[in-house]
Amino acid sequence: VLDATRTISEQAGARYVRGGGLGVSAARNAGVRNALGEFVAFLDDDDIWLPEHLAEHLHILRTDRQIGFVFSQGVLADAELRPVTGPSPVGVPTTDVTGFLLRNCPHFDTMVVRRSLFLDVGGFDPSLD
């Protein structure tokens, strides 16, 4: 491991799973397959969550078992955490969620998903970055 990801993960009580060098989609799939919890969230080593991120997402998922995943807006920032773009995706869908998702790609690092749903749909396509 070239960075401190493994050490930081283990210090936080997380299991570190190597992706096998097959790309980011395969690495995420391996992580979800090895996860033990009901929910999974995605956080790359160059991403940062706001402190309340997980709590708010988990509250929604625990409140309504019909909801399979939750996402929020993300903001691209530079190395000093200065915003480079505005929040994306723009707008919050209240109807036609499928159409919204076909027109917009939420940042994966903002998602929290039921692990069972992720596995049921087959995870990420490993041929895609």
Protein backbone atom coordinates (compact mmCIF):
# COMPACT_ATOMS: atom_id res chain seq x y z
CA VAL A 1 0.00 0.00 0.00
CA LEU A 2 1.53 3.27 -1.10
CA ASP A 3 -0.53 5.49 1.15
CA ALA A 4 -1.89 5.22 4.66
CA THR A 5 -5.30 3.84 3.62
CA ARG A 6 -4.79 0.42 5.21
CA THR A 7 -3.48 1.84 8.49
CA ILE A 8 -6.22 4.45 8.74
CA SER A 9 -8.90 1.89 7.88
CA GLU A 10 -7.74 -0.55 10.51
CA GLN A 11 -7.36 2.18 13.16
CA ALA A 12 -11.00 3.12 12.49
CA GLY A 13 -12.09 -0.49 13.00
CA ALA A 14 -12.70 -1.20 9.31
CA ARG A 15 -11.50 -4.22 7.40
CA TYR A 16 -9.10 -3.43 4.58
CA VAL A 17 -9.77 -5.43 1.39
CA ARG A 18 -7.39 -5.25 -1.57
CA GLY A 19 -9.10 -4.76 -4.94
CA GLY A 20 -6.73 -7.02 -6.84
CA GLY A 21 -5.62 -4.38 -9.35
CA LEU A 22 -8.66 -4.95 -11.57
CA GLY A 23 -9.96 -1.39 -11.47
CA VAL A 24 -12.15 0.77 -9.28
CA SER A 25 -15.43 -1.04 -10.05
CA ALA A 26 -13.95 -4.44 -9.21
CA ALA A 27 -12.44 -2.99 -6.01
CA ARG A 28 -15.79 -1.55 -4.91
CA ASN A 29 -17.52 -4.86 -5.69
CA ALA A 30 -14.92 -6.74 -3.61
CA GLY A 31 -15.45 -4.36 -0.73
CA VAL A 32 -19.22 -4.82 -0.79
CA ARG A 33 -18.92 -8.62 -1.04
CA ASN A 34 -16.71 -8.56 2.07
CA ALA A 35 -18.85 -6.08 3.99
CA LEU A 36 -20.78 -7.33 7.00
CA GLY A 37 -23.30 -4.54 7.50
CA GLU A 38 -26.75 -3.90 6.10
CA PHE A 39 -25.63 -0.70 4.37
CA VAL A 40 -22.57 0.24 2.34
CA ALA A 41 -21.15 3.64 1.51
CA PHE A 42 -18.43 4.61 -0.92
CA LEU A 43 -15.54 6.91 0.00
CA ASP A 44 -12.44 7.15 -2.17
CA ASP A 45 -9.13 8.21 -0.67
CA ASP A 46 -9.37 11.66 -2.27
CA ASP A 47 -12.92 12.36 -1.04
CA ILE A 48 -14.21 13.88 2.21
CA TRP A 49 -17.62 13.56 3.83
CA LEU A 50 -19.23 16.24 5.93
CA PRO A 51 -19.58 15.05 9.57
CA GLU A 52 -23.35 14.47 9.32
CA HIS A 53 -23.25 12.69 5.94
CA LEU A 54 -23.71 9.10 7.11
CA ALA A 55 -26.12 9.88 9.93
CA GLU A 56 -28.53 11.70 7.61
CA HIS A 57 -28.42 9.01 4.94
CA LEU A 58 -28.83 6.17 7.43
CA HIS A 59 -31.77 7.92 9.07
CA ILE A 60 -33.63 7.96 5.74
CA LEU A 61 -32.82 4.32 4.96
CA ARG A 62 -33.81 3.14 8.44
CA THR A 63 -37.02 5.19 8.42
CA ASP A 64 -38.33 3.81 5.12
CA ARG A 65 -37.37 0.23 4.23
CA GLN A 66 -38.80 0.76 0.72
CA ILE A 67 -35.86 3.06 -0.11
CA GLY A 68 -32.92 1.13 -1.53
CA PHE A 69 -30.30 3.84 -1.70
CA VAL A 70 -29.76 7.49 -0.89
CA PHE A 71 -27.45 10.01 -2.50
CA SER A 72 -26.73 13.66 -2.01
CA GLN A 73 -25.03 16.47 -3.83
CA GLY A 74 -21.27 16.61 -4.02
CA VAL A 75 -18.88 19.49 -4.58
CA LEU A 76 -15.55 19.10 -6.36
CA ALA A 77 -12.78 20.89 -4.49
CA ASP A 78 -9.07 21.44 -4.88
CA ALA A 79 -6.34 20.16 -2.54
CA GLU A 80 -7.03 23.05 -0.13
CA LEU A 81 -10.75 22.14 -0.08
CA ARG A 82 -11.75 25.24 -2.04
CA PRO A 83 -14.82 24.47 -4.18
CA VAL A 84 -14.04 24.11 -7.87
CA THR A 85 -17.66 23.51 -8.92
CA GLY A 86 -21.07 24.10 -7.49
CA PRO A 87 -23.12 21.30 -5.93
CA SER A 88 -23.97 18.47 -8.32
CA PRO A 89 -26.33 17.05 -9.36
CA VAL A 90 -28.52 20.14 -9.49
CA GLY A 91 -32.02 19.85 -8.10
CA VAL A 92 -33.69 17.21 -5.99
CA PRO A 93 -36.06 14.77 -7.68
CA THR A 94 -39.53 14.56 -6.15
CA THR A 95 -41.09 12.71 -9.08
CA ASP A 96 -39.63 10.73 -11.99
CA VAL A 97 -36.60 9.62 -9.99
CA THR A 98 -35.68 7.10 -12.71
CA GLY A 99 -35.63 9.83 -15.36
CA PHE A 100 -33.55 12.04 -13.08
CA LEU A 101 -30.98 9.28 -12.59
CA LEU A 102 -30.82 8.61 -16.33
CA ARG A 103 -30.06 12.31 -16.94
CA ASN A 104 -27.76 12.84 -13.95
CA CYS A 105 -25.00 10.78 -12.42
CA PRO A 106 -24.77 11.26 -8.65
CA HIS A 107 -21.27 11.08 -7.21
CA PHE A 108 -20.67 7.54 -5.91
CA ASP A 109 -19.00 8.97 -2.81
CA THR A 110 -22.35 10.50 -1.78
CA MET A 111 -24.27 7.20 -1.90
CA VAL A 112 -25.36 4.89 0.87
CA VAL A 113 -27.06 1.73 -0.39
CA ARG A 114 -28.62 -1.37 1.09
CA ARG A 115 -25.96 -4.05 0.64
CA SER A 116 -28.56 -6.64 -0.42
CA LEU A 117 -29.81 -4.37 -3.23
CA PHE A 118 -26.28 -3.73 -4.46
CA LEU A 119 -25.60 -7.47 -4.60
CA ASP A 120 -29.00 -8.21 -6.21
CA VAL A 121 -28.27 -5.88 -9.15
CA GLY A 122 -24.79 -7.35 -9.62
CA GLY A 123 -22.73 -4.44 -8.35
CA PHE A 124 -20.68 -2.17 -10.57
CA ASP A 125 -19.76 -3.27 -14.09
CA PRO A 126 -16.05 -4.15 -13.74
CA SER A 127 -15.39 -3.14 -17.36
CA LEU A 128 -16.19 0.49 -16.47
CA ASP A 129 -14.05 2.94 -14.53
